[in-house]
Protein backbone atom coordinates (compact mmCIF):
# COMPACT_ATOMS: atom_id res chain seq x y z
CA MET A 1 30.95 5.72 -66.45
CA ALA A 2 27.92 7.77 -65.40
CA LYS A 3 25.63 5.31 -67.10
CA ASN A 4 27.20 2.35 -65.20
CA ILE A 5 26.83 4.08 -61.81
CA PHE A 6 23.18 4.70 -62.71
CA PHE A 7 22.36 1.13 -63.46
CA PHE A 8 24.23 -0.07 -60.38
CA SER A 9 22.13 2.18 -58.09
CA LEU A 10 18.99 1.13 -59.80
CA SER A 11 19.90 -2.43 -59.26
CA LEU A 12 20.62 -1.83 -55.61
CA LEU A 13 17.31 -0.01 -55.04
CA VAL A 14 15.39 -3.05 -56.63
CA LEU A 15 17.11 -5.34 -54.28
CA VAL A 16 16.17 -3.23 -51.25
CA LEU A 17 12.54 -3.10 -52.41
CA ILE A 18 12.52 -6.84 -52.82
CA PHE A 19 13.93 -7.41 -49.37
CA LEU A 20 11.45 -5.10 -47.76
CA ALA A 21 8.54 -6.94 -49.52
CA ALA A 22 9.80 -10.23 -48.29
CA TYR A 23 10.24 -8.80 -44.72
CA ASN A 24 6.71 -7.55 -44.53
CA LEU A 25 5.29 -10.77 -45.95
CA ILE A 26 7.40 -13.21 -43.72
CA PHE A 27 7.77 -11.21 -40.47
CA LYS A 28 4.92 -8.57 -40.23
CA ASN A 29 2.24 -11.25 -40.49
CA ASN A 30 4.04 -13.78 -38.34
CA VAL A 31 1.73 -14.93 -35.65
CA ASN A 32 4.48 -15.63 -33.39
CA SER A 33 5.69 -12.04 -33.18
CA PRO A 34 4.07 -10.01 -30.46
CA LEU A 35 4.62 -6.85 -32.65
CA ALA A 36 2.75 -8.14 -35.67
CA ASP A 37 -0.60 -7.50 -34.13
CA PRO A 38 -1.04 -4.21 -32.24
CA SER A 39 -3.41 -6.05 -29.92
CA LYS A 40 -0.64 -8.48 -28.96
CA LYS A 41 1.48 -5.96 -26.80
CA ILE A 42 3.68 -7.37 -24.14
CA ALA A 43 2.33 -5.97 -20.93
CA GLU A 44 4.10 -5.77 -17.68
CA GLY A 45 2.00 -7.74 -14.96
CA VAL A 46 -0.16 -10.82 -15.16
CA GLY A 47 -3.15 -11.45 -17.33
CA ASP A 48 -4.99 -9.13 -19.65
CA ALA A 49 -3.85 -5.62 -19.47
CA PRO A 50 -6.19 -3.01 -21.10
CA PHE A 51 -5.05 0.60 -20.68
CA ALA A 52 -6.66 3.51 -18.88
CA THR A 53 -5.29 6.94 -19.17
CA GLY A 54 -3.51 8.90 -16.49
CA ILE A 55 -0.33 10.68 -15.50
CA ALA A 56 0.94 11.12 -11.85
CA GLU A 57 0.86 14.74 -10.69
CA ASN A 58 2.35 16.20 -7.62
CA VAL A 59 -0.40 17.31 -5.13
CA LEU A 60 1.52 18.41 -2.09
CA ASN A 61 5.14 19.65 -2.71
CA GLU A 62 6.29 19.11 0.77
CA SER A 63 7.28 16.05 3.00
CA VAL A 64 4.16 14.15 4.02
CA LEU A 65 3.49 11.42 6.57
CA GLY A 66 0.26 9.50 7.18
CA ALA A 67 -1.67 11.28 4.40
CA THR A 68 -5.33 10.25 4.21
CA MET A 69 -8.59 11.65 2.93
CA SER A 70 -11.87 12.44 4.72
CA ASP A 71 -15.47 11.73 3.48
CA ASP A 72 -15.73 15.36 2.20
CA ASN A 73 -12.47 14.93 0.10
CA GLU A 74 -10.16 16.87 2.20
CA ILE A 75 -6.57 15.71 2.70
CA PHE A 76 -5.26 15.33 6.16
CA TYR A 77 -1.48 14.87 6.74
CA TYR A 78 1.58 15.53 8.93
CA SER A 79 3.95 17.94 7.28
CA GLY A 80 7.52 17.08 7.83
CA ASP A 81 8.57 20.50 6.52
CA ASP A 82 6.49 22.37 9.15
CA GLN A 83 6.34 19.57 11.69
CA ALA A 84 2.61 20.08 11.97
CA LEU A 85 -0.67 18.40 11.41
CA LYS A 86 -2.39 20.03 8.41
CA LYS A 87 -5.26 19.61 5.95
CA ALA A 88 -5.91 20.80 2.31
CA ASN A 89 -8.44 20.33 -0.39
CA ARG A 90 -8.09 17.34 -2.83
CA ASP A 91 -6.00 19.51 -5.19
CA GLY A 92 -3.50 20.30 -2.29
CA LYS A 93 -4.55 23.95 -1.97
CA ASN A 94 -6.18 25.97 0.91
CA LYS A 95 -3.77 24.43 3.42
CA VAL A 96 -4.70 24.91 7.09
CA ILE A 97 -2.43 24.11 10.10
CA LEU A 98 -4.50 21.92 12.57
CA MET A 99 -1.82 21.63 15.31
CA SER A 100 1.92 22.55 15.53
CA ASN A 101 4.61 22.81 18.14
CA LEU A 102 4.47 19.20 18.94
CA PRO A 103 6.95 17.80 21.25
CA GLY A 104 9.05 15.81 18.77
CA GLU A 105 9.14 14.80 15.17
CA ALA A 106 6.45 12.40 13.89
CA THR A 107 7.48 8.92 12.73
CA ARG A 108 3.86 7.50 12.58
CA VAL A 109 0.40 9.12 12.24
CA LEU A 110 -2.89 7.39 12.59
CA TRP A 111 -6.10 9.41 11.97
CA SER A 112 -9.41 8.53 13.40
CA ALA A 113 -12.36 7.82 11.06
CA LYS A 114 -13.80 11.32 11.47
CA LYS A 115 -10.34 12.95 11.27
CA ASP A 116 -10.99 14.77 14.54
CA ARG A 117 -8.43 12.86 16.51
CA VAL A 118 -4.91 11.56 15.98
CA LEU A 119 -2.60 8.88 17.27
CA ILE A 120 1.07 10.12 16.68
CA LEU A 121 4.33 8.56 17.43
CA LEU A 122 6.88 11.30 18.11
CA LYS A 123 10.60 11.01 18.34
CA GLN A 124 11.74 12.50 21.54
CA ARG A 125 14.94 14.69 22.10
CA SER A 126 16.42 11.89 24.21
CA GLY A 127 16.29 9.63 21.00
CA GLY A 128 13.32 7.45 22.14
CA THR A 129 9.71 7.40 20.80
CA LEU A 130 6.41 7.96 22.62
CA TRP A 131 2.84 7.71 21.40
CA TYR A 132 0.41 10.66 21.93
CA SER A 133 -3.28 10.92 21.50
CA ILE A 134 -4.54 14.18 20.11
CA SER A 135 -7.94 15.78 20.14
CA LEU A 136 -8.00 18.36 17.40
CA GLY A 137 -11.37 19.82 18.70
CA ASN A 138 -9.78 21.22 21.91
CA LYS A 139 -6.04 21.09 20.86
CA THR A 140 -5.26 18.59 23.69
CA LEU A 141 -2.33 16.29 23.49
CA VAL A 142 -2.03 13.35 25.95
CA PRO A 143 1.11 11.18 26.27
CA LEU A 144 0.48 7.47 26.40
CA LYS A 145 2.45 4.98 28.45
CA PRO A 146 5.96 4.00 26.93
CA GLU A 147 4.91 0.27 27.22
CA ILE A 148 2.12 0.81 24.65
CA GLY A 149 2.71 0.14 20.95
CA ARG A 150 1.12 -1.19 17.71
CA LEU A 151 -1.93 1.23 18.09
CA ALA A 152 -5.08 1.03 15.93
CA TRP A 153 -8.37 2.85 15.91
CA ASP A 154 -11.69 1.00 16.20
CA ASN A 155 -14.07 1.28 13.25
CA PHE A 156 -15.70 4.36 14.77
CA GLY A 157 -12.53 6.35 15.74
CA GLU A 158 -13.67 6.32 19.36
CA LYS A 159 -11.52 3.76 21.00
CA ILE A 160 -8.13 2.45 20.43
CA PHE A 161 -6.63 -1.06 20.27
CA TYR A 162 -2.94 -1.57 21.32
CA GLN A 163 -0.27 -3.99 22.33
CA TYR A 164 1.04 -3.53 25.98
CA THR A 165 4.51 -5.04 26.78
CA ASP A 166 5.07 -5.81 30.56
CA PRO A 167 8.37 -4.07 31.41
CA VAL A 168 9.17 -7.00 33.89
CA THR A 169 8.15 -10.13 32.04
CA ASN A 170 8.33 -8.75 28.41
CA LYS A 171 5.12 -10.53 27.84
CA ARG A 172 2.59 -8.76 25.71
CA THR A 173 -1.12 -8.46 25.71
CA MET A 174 -3.64 -6.91 23.41
CA ASN A 175 -6.01 -4.28 25.01
CA SER A 176 -8.64 -1.60 24.25
CA ALA A 177 -9.01 1.82 25.77
CA ASN A 178 -10.47 5.25 25.23
CA ALA A 179 -8.51 7.41 23.07
CA ASP A 180 -6.50 8.98 26.00
CA GLY A 181 -5.62 5.51 27.45
CA SER A 182 -8.35 5.39 30.16
CA ASP A 183 -10.95 2.61 30.83
CA TRP A 184 -8.62 -0.10 29.36
CA LYS A 185 -9.54 -3.69 29.02
CA LYS A 186 -7.45 -6.82 28.23
CA LEU A 187 -8.61 -8.65 25.23
CA ALA A 188 -5.93 -11.38 24.61
CA ASP A 189 -2.62 -12.72 25.73
CA LEU A 190 -0.11 -12.44 22.86
CA GLY A 191 3.15 -14.03 24.44
CA ALA A 192 6.49 -12.71 23.65
CA LYS A 193 5.98 -11.96 19.88
CA ASP A 194 5.45 -8.41 18.45
CA PHE A 195 2.10 -8.11 16.90
CA PHE A 196 0.05 -5.93 14.36
CA LEU A 197 -3.42 -5.00 15.01
CA THR A 198 -6.40 -3.81 12.82
CA PRO A 199 -10.08 -3.86 13.38
CA VAL A 200 -12.30 -6.01 11.16
CA PRO A 201 -14.70 -3.88 9.18
CA GLN A 202 -18.51 -4.05 9.75
CA SER A 203 -17.83 -5.93 13.02
CA ASN A 204 -16.85 -5.49 16.70
CA PHE A 205 -13.84 -7.78 16.07
CA VAL A 206 -10.17 -6.85 15.96
CA SER A 207 -7.56 -8.95 14.04
CA PHE A 208 -3.91 -9.39 14.94
CA TRP A 209 -0.77 -11.22 13.65
CA ALA A 210 2.81 -11.50 14.58
CA ARG A 211 5.33 -9.21 12.96
CA SER A 212 6.92 -11.49 10.47
CA ALA A 213 10.03 -11.82 8.31
CA ILE A 214 9.88 -14.30 5.36
CA GLN A 215 11.52 -16.93 7.52
CA TYR A 216 8.43 -17.06 9.88
CA SER A 217 4.81 -17.83 9.28
CA SER A 218 2.28 -15.31 10.78
CA PRO A 219 -1.28 -16.73 11.52
CA LEU A 220 -4.27 -14.15 11.42
CA GLU A 221 -6.60 -14.31 14.46
CA THR A 222 -9.55 -12.29 15.61
CA VAL A 223 -11.06 -11.54 18.87
CA SER A 224 -14.14 -9.34 19.85
CA ALA A 225 -13.92 -6.06 21.42
CA LEU A 226 -15.15 -7.72 24.60
CA GLY A 227 -12.26 -10.17 24.59
CA GLU A 228 -14.48 -13.03 23.57
CA GLY A 229 -14.65 -15.53 20.56
CA ARG A 230 -10.86 -15.56 19.81
CA ARG A 231 -10.47 -17.66 16.56
CA MET A 232 -7.97 -18.50 13.79
CA VAL A 233 -8.89 -16.95 10.31
CA SER A 234 -5.78 -18.09 8.49
CA THR A 235 -2.84 -20.47 9.34
CA GLY A 236 -0.49 -17.75 8.08
CA PHE A 237 1.77 -17.00 5.32
CA PHE A 238 5.52 -16.64 5.70
CA GLY A 239 6.37 -12.75 5.86
CA ALA A 240 2.76 -12.06 6.17
CA ASP A 241 0.95 -8.75 6.17
CA TYR A 242 -2.87 -8.23 5.98
CA SER A 243 -5.54 -5.75 4.85
CA TRP A 244 -9.32 -6.20 5.23
CA SER A 245 -11.83 -5.32 2.47
CA PRO A 246 -14.28 -2.56 3.45
CA ASP A 247 -17.20 -5.00 3.78
CA GLY A 248 -15.19 -7.36 5.94
CA GLU A 249 -15.75 -10.25 3.81
CA TYR A 250 -12.19 -10.65 2.53
CA VAL A 251 -8.77 -10.09 3.96
CA LEU A 252 -5.82 -9.35 1.56
CA ALA A 253 -2.76 -11.22 2.51
CA SER A 254 0.82 -10.74 1.30
CA GLY A 255 3.36 -13.31 1.76
CA SER A 256 4.73 -16.77 0.73
CA MET A 257 3.51 -20.29 1.21
CA THR A 258 7.16 -21.26 2.32
CA ASP A 259 10.04 -19.72 4.08
CA LYS A 260 12.03 -19.50 0.81
CA GLY A 261 10.02 -16.52 -0.49
CA ASN A 262 9.93 -17.56 -4.08
CA ASP A 263 6.26 -17.39 -4.46
CA PHE A 264 5.68 -14.00 -2.52
CA SER A 265 2.27 -12.73 -3.73
CA LEU A 266 -1.09 -11.22 -2.72
CA ARG A 267 -3.81 -13.71 -1.83
CA LEU A 268 -7.48 -13.40 -0.95
CA VAL A 269 -8.62 -15.02 2.20
CA THR A 270 -12.38 -15.41 3.06
CA LYS A 271 -13.58 -15.24 6.63
CA ASN A 272 -13.82 -19.02 6.43
CA GLY A 273 -10.25 -19.36 5.57
CA GLU A 274 -10.50 -20.11 1.82
CA VAL A 275 -7.50 -18.84 -0.11
CA ARG A 276 -7.30 -17.49 -3.66
CA ASN A 277 -3.79 -16.51 -5.09
CA LEU A 278 -4.07 -13.20 -7.01
CA SER A 279 -0.38 -13.71 -8.43
CA LEU A 280 0.59 -10.19 -7.67
CA PRO A 281 3.98 -9.90 -6.19
CA THR A 282 3.61 -6.73 -4.22
CA LEU A 283 3.28 -5.47 -0.60
CA ILE A 284 0.12 -4.51 1.34
CA SER A 285 1.53 -1.03 1.72
CA LYS A 286 1.13 -0.62 -2.11
CA THR A 287 -2.66 -1.52 -2.18
CA VAL A 288 -5.86 0.18 -1.45
CA TRP A 289 -9.45 -1.24 -1.64
CA SER A 290 -12.38 0.30 -3.52
CA ASP A 291 -15.32 1.10 -1.17
CA ASP A 292 -17.57 -1.60 -2.72
CA SER A 293 -14.69 -4.26 -1.97
CA LYS A 294 -14.71 -5.32 -5.70
CA THR A 295 -11.76 -3.60 -6.89
CA LEU A 296 -8.11 -3.47 -5.67
CA TYR A 297 -5.72 -0.76 -6.63
CA TYR A 298 -2.05 -1.59 -6.39
CA ALA A 299 1.38 -0.62 -7.43
CA LEU A 300 3.66 -3.30 -8.78
CA PRO A 301 7.25 -2.93 -7.71
CA GLY A 302 9.96 -2.96 -10.45
CA SER A 303 13.68 -2.48 -10.82
CA LEU A 304 14.50 -4.70 -7.81
CA PRO A 305 17.85 -6.39 -8.03
CA GLU A 306 17.91 -10.15 -8.87
CA GLY A 307 17.45 -12.37 -5.74
CA THR A 308 15.48 -9.72 -3.84
CA LEU A 309 13.69 -11.28 -0.91
CA LEU A 310 10.37 -9.59 -0.07
CA PRO A 311 9.33 -8.38 2.29
CA ASN A 312 12.62 -8.46 4.23
CA ASP A 313 15.02 -6.62 1.79
CA TYR A 314 12.51 -3.82 1.04
CA PHE A 315 12.30 -2.65 4.50
CA GLU A 316 15.66 -3.62 5.93
CA LYS A 317 18.21 -2.48 3.26
CA PRO A 318 16.28 -0.44 2.20
CA LEU A 319 15.55 -0.86 -1.58
CA TYR A 320 13.55 1.52 -3.62
CA THR A 321 11.33 0.33 -6.39
CA LYS A 322 10.11 1.81 -9.67
CA ASP A 323 6.28 1.03 -9.54
CA THR A 324 3.75 0.51 -12.27
CA PHE A 325 0.27 1.26 -11.27
CA TRP A 326 -2.81 -1.19 -11.74
CA LYS A 327 -6.16 -2.20 -10.62
CA VAL A 328 -7.84 -5.65 -10.58
CA ASP A 329 -11.45 -6.69 -10.41
CA ILE A 330 -11.29 -9.37 -7.68
CA THR A 331 -14.52 -11.04 -9.02
CA THR A 332 -13.29 -11.58 -12.60
CA GLY A 333 -9.50 -11.28 -12.15
CA LYS A 334 -9.35 -8.58 -15.02
CA LYS A 335 -6.29 -6.32 -14.54
CA THR A 336 -5.98 -2.78 -15.99
CA ARG A 337 -2.88 -0.56 -16.18
CA LEU A 338 -3.46 2.93 -14.77
CA ILE A 339 -0.63 4.72 -16.69
CA GLU A 340 0.71 3.68 -20.04
CA LEU A 341 4.43 2.73 -20.11
CA LYS A 342 5.25 5.60 -22.48
CA GLU A 343 3.69 8.02 -20.03
CA ASN A 344 5.36 6.47 -16.98
CA THR A 345 8.46 8.62 -17.18
CA MET A 346 9.00 9.15 -13.50
CA ALA A 347 10.17 6.59 -10.93
CA PHE A 348 7.91 6.28 -7.94
CA ASP A 349 8.23 3.83 -4.84
CA SER A 350 4.65 4.38 -3.65
CA ASN A 351 3.22 3.79 -0.18
CA ASP A 352 -0.02 4.69 1.72
CA LEU A 353 -2.45 4.50 -1.25
CA PHE A 354 -5.85 6.11 -0.80
CA LEU A 355 -8.92 7.03 -2.85
CA PRO A 356 -11.39 9.97 -2.76
CA THR A 357 -15.03 9.05 -2.14
CA SER A 358 -15.77 9.52 -5.78
CA GLU A 359 -12.90 7.04 -6.48
CA ASP A 360 -11.88 9.09 -9.66
CA ALA A 361 -8.33 9.35 -8.52
CA LEU A 362 -5.53 7.37 -6.79
CA TYR A 363 -3.28 9.19 -4.34
CA PHE A 364 -0.01 7.86 -2.99
CA THR A 365 3.17 9.02 -1.09
CA ASP A 366 6.56 8.52 -2.85
CA ARG A 367 8.80 6.80 -0.53
CA VAL A 368 11.92 8.56 -1.80
CA SER A 369 10.69 12.25 -1.95
CA LYS A 370 8.00 11.81 0.68
CA LYS A 371 5.72 13.97 -1.50
CA LEU A 372 1.99 13.31 -2.29
CA TYR A 373 1.06 12.39 -5.92
CA ARG A 374 -2.30 11.75 -7.71
CA ILE A 375 -3.31 9.68 -10.79
CA GLU A 376 -6.54 10.66 -12.35
CA LEU A 377 -8.61 7.55 -12.98
């Protein structure tokens, strides 16, 4: 009896070994299997995806808004916990309160180029909002007119661009002024639509486009700071948003070619209007340019429900994404993942990306926790 069991077990072992040998021969070397060759890994994203090392770490363990970095690598931000403007070193230490006791809670924060002035939108006790101009040097805070909105600093952080809405006609104009709202000048008539504004780097021009949902196209225009030379840069994408490269040679556009939104993507537009599709389905708020305008760092949103319509659903519902982090060389199209999938154990919905001057780290604010994180590059 024992002898029969022994021979049965031995026969079964031989059959298993034969099966394993056949499996290795047929499947392991199967050229159609992405697992056969370690170099043939399926990567999330588009195109080649070599890996760089990095794990996101928490830099500021408090609610932040409008976080950015100065040329000497100090982090400037509004603390929702303290309701104060603050700064810290690049590691989130040595915190200093720059200004507190503000007349309301901040909902938008715009730092000047030198980080010595701030435009801040505060929620009033009455429930409304009002823009203020702050000079951190002498700790002054000046309320701006309630008809002023969509503010942006010029390239030097000296003057502001803004949209003014006539309270009688509801017609809008784009204007420039000193930081406190004085010495204003009309630059362009905008009509009834609500516009976004941003300066064109390395120039005295400001660009503007209508706030847009996916159902509407939004052409990009520019005009000089003197109100001259108004021209069309792009005829517009549906649901469009824009971000200029630091050298002013390209503008990054997010949007769709149709009102269906099924080809929502990032595209590069030259100053002459030439368009190149980067095939990256993400938002402008999840991108940042390198200083040399050759590399774009971006977060690619994941875990979105089937049928999600960008950008509408992301901002209106709202939806929260689980992002993966990448960079792309815009000259070659080569894409590189910043965090390997096995190390990407936390879910981040990233916004307000920025880089230190050394560009050895990527900073972002998590939209859910409102905390600041960093990925070493």
